[in-house]
Amino acid sequence: MTLILSIPIFGKLSELSKNELDIFQLVHNFSIVSDIISNSEISEGKTYQILQMLSDEGFINPE
């Protein structure tokens, strides 16, 4: 699966935690979920949770 950044981004990036910002940047850099997981410095499960939250909050979308 490929993910992309939402345009426009309605949420405030300043409200994201450090880990959430890191995953947001990985989405920008890699797009492919398996690559995001592989490059994440946090656990796979937590990375999936953050991806789901970013999607639910409108920061990212599936392509």
PDB file of N, CA and C in Angstrom:
ATOM      1  N   MET A   1       0.839  -1.178   0.000  1.00  0.00           N
ATOM      2  CA  MET A   1       0.000   0.000   0.000  1.00  0.00           C
ATOM      3  C   MET A   1       0.885   1.242   0.000  1.00  0.00           C
ATOM      4  N   THR A   2       0.442   2.250  -0.718  1.00  0.00           N
ATOM      5  CA  THR A   2       1.162   3.510  -0.801  1.00  0.00           C
ATOM      6  C   THR A   2       0.358   4.591  -0.092  1.00  0.00           C
ATOM      7  N   LEU A   3       1.040   5.429   0.674  1.00  0.00           N
ATOM      8  CA  LEU A   3       0.408   6.529   1.388  1.00  0.00           C
ATOM      9  C   LEU A   3       0.947   7.854   0.868  1.00  0.00           C
ATOM     10  N   ILE A   4       0.121   8.865   0.887  1.00  0.00           N
ATOM     11  CA  ILE A   4       0.535  10.202   0.463  1.00  0.00           C
ATOM     12  C   ILE A   4       0.100  11.218   1.515  1.00  0.00           C
ATOM     13  N   LEU A   5       0.746  12.374   1.502  1.00  0.00           N
ATOM     14  CA  LEU A   5       0.346  13.457   2.390  1.00  0.00           C
ATOM     15  C   LEU A   5      -0.938  14.073   1.881  1.00  0.00           C
ATOM     16  N   SER A   6      -1.805  14.452   2.794  1.00  0.00           N
ATOM     17  CA  SER A   6      -3.043  15.133   2.418  1.00  0.00           C
ATOM     18  C   SER A   6      -2.726  16.547   1.963  1.00  0.00           C
ATOM     19  N   ILE A   7      -3.451  16.994   0.953  1.00  0.00           N
ATOM     20  CA  ILE A   7      -3.328  18.373   0.491  1.00  0.00           C
ATOM     21  C   ILE A   7      -4.728  18.933   0.367  1.00  0.00           C
ATOM     22  N   PRO A   8      -5.088  19.947   1.128  1.00  0.00           N
ATOM     23  CA  PRO A   8      -4.283  20.569   2.180  1.00  0.00           C
ATOM     24  C   PRO A   8      -4.288  19.722   3.442  1.00  0.00           C
ATOM     25  N   ILE A   9      -3.377  20.018   4.340  1.00  0.00           N
ATOM     26  CA  ILE A   9      -3.351  19.389   5.662  1.00  0.00           C
ATOM     27  C   ILE A   9      -4.175  20.281   6.582  1.00  0.00           C
ATOM     28  N   PHE A  10      -5.256  19.743   7.115  1.00  0.00           N
ATOM     29  CA  PHE A  10      -6.129  20.542   7.968  1.00  0.00           C
ATOM     30  C   PHE A  10      -5.696  20.548   9.426  1.00  0.00           C
ATOM     31  N   GLY A  11      -5.028  19.486   9.864  1.00  0.00           N
ATOM     32  CA  GLY A  11      -4.541  19.440  11.237  1.00  0.00           C
ATOM     33  C   GLY A  11      -3.291  20.287  11.403  1.00  0.00           C
ATOM     34  N   LYS A  12      -2.961  20.578  12.641  1.00  0.00           N
ATOM     35  CA  LYS A  12      -1.765  21.362  12.933  1.00  0.00           C
ATOM     36  C   LYS A  12      -0.594  20.424  13.220  1.00  0.00           C
ATOM     37  N   LEU A  13       0.457  20.547  12.439  1.00  0.00           N
ATOM     38  CA  LEU A  13       1.639  19.716  12.658  1.00  0.00           C
ATOM     39  C   LEU A  13       2.234  19.964  14.037  1.00  0.00           C
ATOM     40  N   SER A  14       2.082  21.166  14.557  1.00  0.00           N
ATOM     41  CA  SER A  14       2.637  21.502  15.871  1.00  0.00           C
ATOM     42  C   SER A  14       1.978  20.713  16.996  1.00  0.00           C
ATOM     43  N   GLU A  15       0.826  20.115  16.732  1.00  0.00           N
ATOM     44  CA  GLU A  15       0.137  19.321  17.746  1.00  0.00           C
ATOM     45  C   GLU A  15       0.553  17.850  17.739  1.00  0.00           C
ATOM     46  N   LEU A  16       1.375  17.450  16.772  1.00  0.00           N
ATOM     47  CA  LEU A  16       1.837  16.059  16.702  1.00  0.00           C
ATOM     48  C   LEU A  16       3.002  15.843  17.651  1.00  0.00           C
ATOM     49  N   SER A  17       3.084  14.627  18.187  1.00  0.00           N
ATOM     50  CA  SER A  17       4.222  14.255  19.040  1.00  0.00           C
ATOM     51  C   SER A  17       5.458  14.029  18.167  1.00  0.00           C
ATOM     52  N   LYS A  18       6.600  13.879  18.816  1.00  0.00           N
ATOM     53  CA  LYS A  18       7.848  13.610  18.085  1.00  0.00           C
ATOM     54  C   LYS A  18       7.713  12.347  17.240  1.00  0.00           C
ATOM     55  N   ASN A  19       7.204  11.263  17.824  1.00  0.00           N
ATOM     56  CA  ASN A  19       7.045  10.013  17.076  1.00  0.00           C
ATOM     57  C   ASN A  19       6.075  10.174  15.911  1.00  0.00           C
ATOM     58  N   GLU A  20       4.992  10.909  16.123  1.00  0.00           N
ATOM     59  CA  GLU A  20       4.026  11.137  15.050  1.00  0.00           C
ATOM     60  C   GLU A  20       4.642  11.947  13.916  1.00  0.00           C
ATOM     61  N   LEU A  21       5.434  12.954  14.261  1.00  0.00           N
ATOM     62  CA  LEU A  21       6.134  13.723  13.228  1.00  0.00           C
ATOM     63  C   LEU A  21       7.144  12.868  12.475  1.00  0.00           C
ATOM     64  N   ASP A  22       7.845  11.997  13.194  1.00  0.00           N
ATOM     65  CA  ASP A  22       8.803  11.102  12.546  1.00  0.00           C
ATOM     66  C   ASP A  22       8.113  10.203  11.522  1.00  0.00           C
ATOM     67  N   ILE A  23       6.966   9.648  11.891  1.00  0.00           N
ATOM     68  CA  ILE A  23       6.236   8.775  10.971  1.00  0.00           C
ATOM     69  C   ILE A  23       5.676   9.587   9.812  1.00  0.00           C
ATOM     70  N   PHE A  24       5.194  10.790  10.076  1.00  0.00           N
ATOM     71  CA  PHE A  24       4.713  11.675   9.013  1.00  0.00           C
ATOM     72  C   PHE A  24       5.832  11.926   8.004  1.00  0.00           C
ATOM     73  N   GLN A  25       7.046  12.162   8.493  1.00  0.00           N
ATOM     74  CA  GLN A  25       8.191  12.380   7.596  1.00  0.00           C
ATOM     75  C   GLN A  25       8.523  11.117   6.814  1.00  0.00           C
ATOM     76  N   LEU A  26       8.414   9.956   7.448  1.00  0.00           N
ATOM     77  CA  LEU A  26       8.657   8.706   6.731  1.00  0.00           C
ATOM     78  C   LEU A  26       7.639   8.507   5.606  1.00  0.00           C
ATOM     79  N   VAL A  27       6.398   8.892   5.838  1.00  0.00           N
ATOM     80  CA  VAL A  27       5.391   8.823   4.770  1.00  0.00           C
ATOM     81  C   VAL A  27       5.827   9.712   3.610  1.00  0.00           C
ATOM     82  N   HIS A  28       6.282  10.903   3.925  1.00  0.00           N
ATOM     83  CA  HIS A  28       6.745  11.829   2.886  1.00  0.00           C
ATOM     84  C   HIS A  28       7.949  11.253   2.132  1.00  0.00           C
ATOM     85  N   ASN A  29       8.873  10.650   2.858  1.00  0.00           N
ATOM     86  CA  ASN A  29      10.118  10.159   2.255  1.00  0.00           C
ATOM     87  C   ASN A  29       9.953   8.849   1.497  1.00  0.00           C
ATOM     88  N   PHE A  30       9.099   7.945   1.982  1.00  0.00           N
ATOM     89  CA  PHE A  30       9.060   6.588   1.428  1.00  0.00           C
ATOM     90  C   PHE A  30       7.732   6.188   0.797  1.00  0.00           C
ATOM     91  N   SER A  31       6.624   6.644   1.298  1.00  0.00           N
ATOM     92  CA  SER A  31       5.272   6.384   0.779  1.00  0.00           C
ATOM     93  C   SER A  31       4.791   4.933   0.933  1.00  0.00           C
ATOM     94  N   ILE A  32       5.624   3.965   0.691  1.00  0.00           N
ATOM     95  CA  ILE A  32       5.222   2.561   0.740  1.00  0.00           C
ATOM     96  C   ILE A  32       5.255   2.079   2.193  1.00  0.00           C
ATOM     97  N   VAL A  33       4.141   1.504   2.641  1.00  0.00           N
ATOM     98  CA  VAL A  33       3.996   1.143   4.050  1.00  0.00           C
ATOM     99  C   VAL A  33       5.123   0.242   4.523  1.00  0.00           C
ATOM    100  N   SER A  34       5.502  -0.749   3.752  1.00  0.00           N
ATOM    101  CA  SER A  34       6.579  -1.656   4.197  1.00  0.00           C
ATOM    102  C   SER A  34       7.896  -0.899   4.372  1.00  0.00           C
ATOM    103  N   ASP A  35       8.148   0.092   3.534  1.00  0.00           N
ATOM    104  CA  ASP A  35       9.366   0.908   3.682  1.00  0.00           C
ATOM    105  C   ASP A  35       9.280   1.812   4.908  1.00  0.00           C
ATOM    106  N   ILE A  36       8.089   2.332   5.171  1.00  0.00           N
ATOM    107  CA  ILE A  36       7.888   3.159   6.363  1.00  0.00           C
ATOM    108  C   ILE A  36       8.159   2.327   7.611  1.00  0.00           C
ATOM    109  N   ILE A  37       7.599   1.129   7.652  1.00  0.00           N
ATOM    110  CA  ILE A  37       7.793   0.229   8.796  1.00  0.00           C
ATOM    111  C   ILE A  37       9.277  -0.114   8.954  1.00  0.00           C
ATOM    112  N   SER A  38       9.943  -0.436   7.862  1.00  0.00           N
ATOM    113  CA  SER A  38      11.356  -0.823   7.904  1.00  0.00           C
ATOM    114  C   SER A  38      12.260   0.302   8.394  1.00  0.00           C
ATOM    115  N   ASN A  39      11.891   1.537   8.093  1.00  0.00           N
ATOM    116  CA  ASN A  39      12.732   2.678   8.449  1.00  0.00           C
ATOM    117  C   ASN A  39      12.326   3.352   9.751  1.00  0.00           C
ATOM    118  N   SER A  40      11.250   2.900  10.359  1.00  0.00           N
ATOM    119  CA  SER A  40      10.789   3.485  11.611  1.00  0.00           C
ATOM    120  C   SER A  40      11.688   3.040  12.763  1.00  0.00           C
ATOM    121  N   GLU A  41      11.971   3.969  13.662  1.00  0.00           N
ATOM    122  CA  GLU A  41      12.785   3.660  14.843  1.00  0.00           C
ATOM    123  C   GLU A  41      11.938   3.154  16.003  1.00  0.00           C
ATOM    124  N   ILE A  42      10.624   3.132  15.834  1.00  0.00           N
ATOM    125  CA  ILE A  42       9.743   2.625  16.887  1.00  0.00           C
ATOM    126  C   ILE A  42       9.158   1.286  16.438  1.00  0.00           C
ATOM    127  N   SER A  43       8.455   0.616  17.337  1.00  0.00           N
ATOM    128  CA  SER A  43       7.958  -0.727  17.042  1.00  0.00           C
ATOM    129  C   SER A  43       6.977  -0.722  15.871  1.00  0.00           C
ATOM    130  N   GLU A  44       6.887  -1.874  15.244  1.00  0.00           N
ATOM    131  CA  GLU A  44       5.979  -2.030  14.109  1.00  0.00           C
ATOM    132  C   GLU A  44       4.535  -1.724  14.515  1.00  0.00           C
ATOM    133  N   GLY A  45       4.119  -2.274  15.658  1.00  0.00           N
ATOM    134  CA  GLY A  45       2.754  -2.053  16.126  1.00  0.00           C
ATOM    135  C   GLY A  45       2.457  -0.587  16.378  1.00  0.00           C
ATOM    136  N   LYS A  46       3.378   0.112  17.040  1.00  0.00           N
ATOM    137  CA  LYS A  46       3.198   1.539  17.322  1.00  0.00           C
ATOM    138  C   LYS A  46       3.209   2.346  16.029  1.00  0.00           C
ATOM    139  N   THR A  47       4.045   1.964  15.080  1.00  0.00           N
ATOM    140  CA  THR A  47       4.089   2.654  13.793  1.00  0.00           C
ATOM    141  C   THR A  47       2.746   2.519  13.083  1.00  0.00           C
ATOM    142  N   TYR A  48       2.165   1.312  13.085  1.00  0.00           N
ATOM    143  CA  TYR A  48       0.846   1.125  12.475  1.00  0.00           C
ATOM    144  C   TYR A  48      -0.214   1.965  13.183  1.00  0.00           C
ATOM    145  N   GLN A  49      -0.140   2.043  14.510  1.00  0.00           N
ATOM    146  CA  GLN A  49      -1.089   2.868  15.260  1.00  0.00           C
ATOM    147  C   GLN A  49      -0.989   4.333  14.848  1.00  0.00           C
ATOM    148  N   ILE A  50       0.229   4.819  14.720  1.00  0.00           N
ATOM    149  CA  ILE A  50       0.433   6.211  14.334  1.00  0.00           C
ATOM    150  C   ILE A  50      -0.042   6.442  12.901  1.00  0.00           C
ATOM    151  N   LEU A  51       0.244   5.520  11.996  1.00  0.00           N
ATOM    152  CA  LEU A  51      -0.249   5.652  10.626  1.00  0.00           C
ATOM    153  C   LEU A  51      -1.774   5.735  10.601  1.00  0.00           C
ATOM    154  N   GLN A  52      -2.426   4.908  11.398  1.00  0.00           N
ATOM    155  CA  GLN A  52      -3.888   4.937  11.460  1.00  0.00           C
ATOM    156  C   GLN A  52      -4.381   6.272  11.996  1.00  0.00           C
ATOM    157  N   MET A  53      -3.734   6.780  13.049  1.00  0.00           N
ATOM    158  CA  MET A  53      -4.123   8.066  13.619  1.00  0.00           C
ATOM    159  C   MET A  53      -3.922   9.196  12.612  1.00  0.00           C
ATOM    160  N   LEU A  54      -2.772   9.190  11.914  1.00  0.00           N
ATOM    161  CA  LEU A  54      -2.510  10.225  10.917  1.00  0.00           C
ATOM    162  C   LEU A  54      -3.547  10.186   9.801  1.00  0.00           C
ATOM    163  N   SER A  55      -3.974   9.002   9.432  1.00  0.00           N
ATOM    164  CA  SER A  55      -5.021   8.857   8.422  1.00  0.00           C
ATOM    165  C   SER A  55      -6.363   9.355   8.963  1.00  0.00           C
ATOM    166  N   ASP A  56      -6.722   8.927  10.164  1.00  0.00           N
ATOM    167  CA  ASP A  56      -7.990   9.330  10.773  1.00  0.00           C
ATOM    168  C   ASP A  56      -8.078  10.846  10.946  1.00  0.00           C
ATOM    169  N   GLU A  57      -6.943  11.478  11.255  1.00  0.00           N
ATOM    170  CA  GLU A  57      -6.909  12.926  11.507  1.00  0.00           C
ATOM    171  C   GLU A  57      -6.705  13.742  10.225  1.00  0.00           C
ATOM    172  N   GLY A  58      -6.571  13.059   9.079  1.00  0.00           N
ATOM    173  CA  GLY A  58      -6.495  13.753   7.807  1.00  0.00           C
ATOM    174  C   GLY A  58      -5.116  14.278   7.410  1.00  0.00           C
ATOM    175  N   PHE A  59      -4.057  13.721   8.027  1.00  0.00           N
ATOM    176  CA  PHE A  59      -2.708  14.136   7.660  1.00  0.00           C
ATOM    177  C   PHE A  59      -2.182  13.356   6.446  1.00  0.00           C
ATOM    178  N   ILE A  60      -2.623  12.101   6.316  1.00  0.00           N
ATOM    179  CA  ILE A  60      -2.191  11.241   5.217  1.00  0.00           C
ATOM    180  C   ILE A  60      -3.402  10.521   4.636  1.00  0.00           C
ATOM    181  N   ASN A  61      -3.224  10.016   3.411  1.00  0.00           N
ATOM    182  CA  ASN A  61      -4.282   9.274   2.726  1.00  0.00           C
ATOM    183  C   ASN A  61      -3.651   8.134   1.918  1.00  0.00           C
ATOM    184  N   PRO A  62      -4.418   7.052   1.710  1.00  0.00           N
ATOM    185  CA  PRO A  62      -3.929   6.034   0.771  1.00  0.00           C
ATOM    186  C   PRO A  62      -3.961   6.608  -0.640  1.00  0.00           C
ATOM    187  N   GLU A  63      -3.001   6.192  -1.445  1.00  0.00           N
ATOM    188  CA  GLU A  63      -2.966   6.675  -2.828  1.00  0.00           C
ATOM    189  C   GLU A  63      -3.803   5.784  -3.716  1.00  0.00           C
TER     190      GLU A  63
END
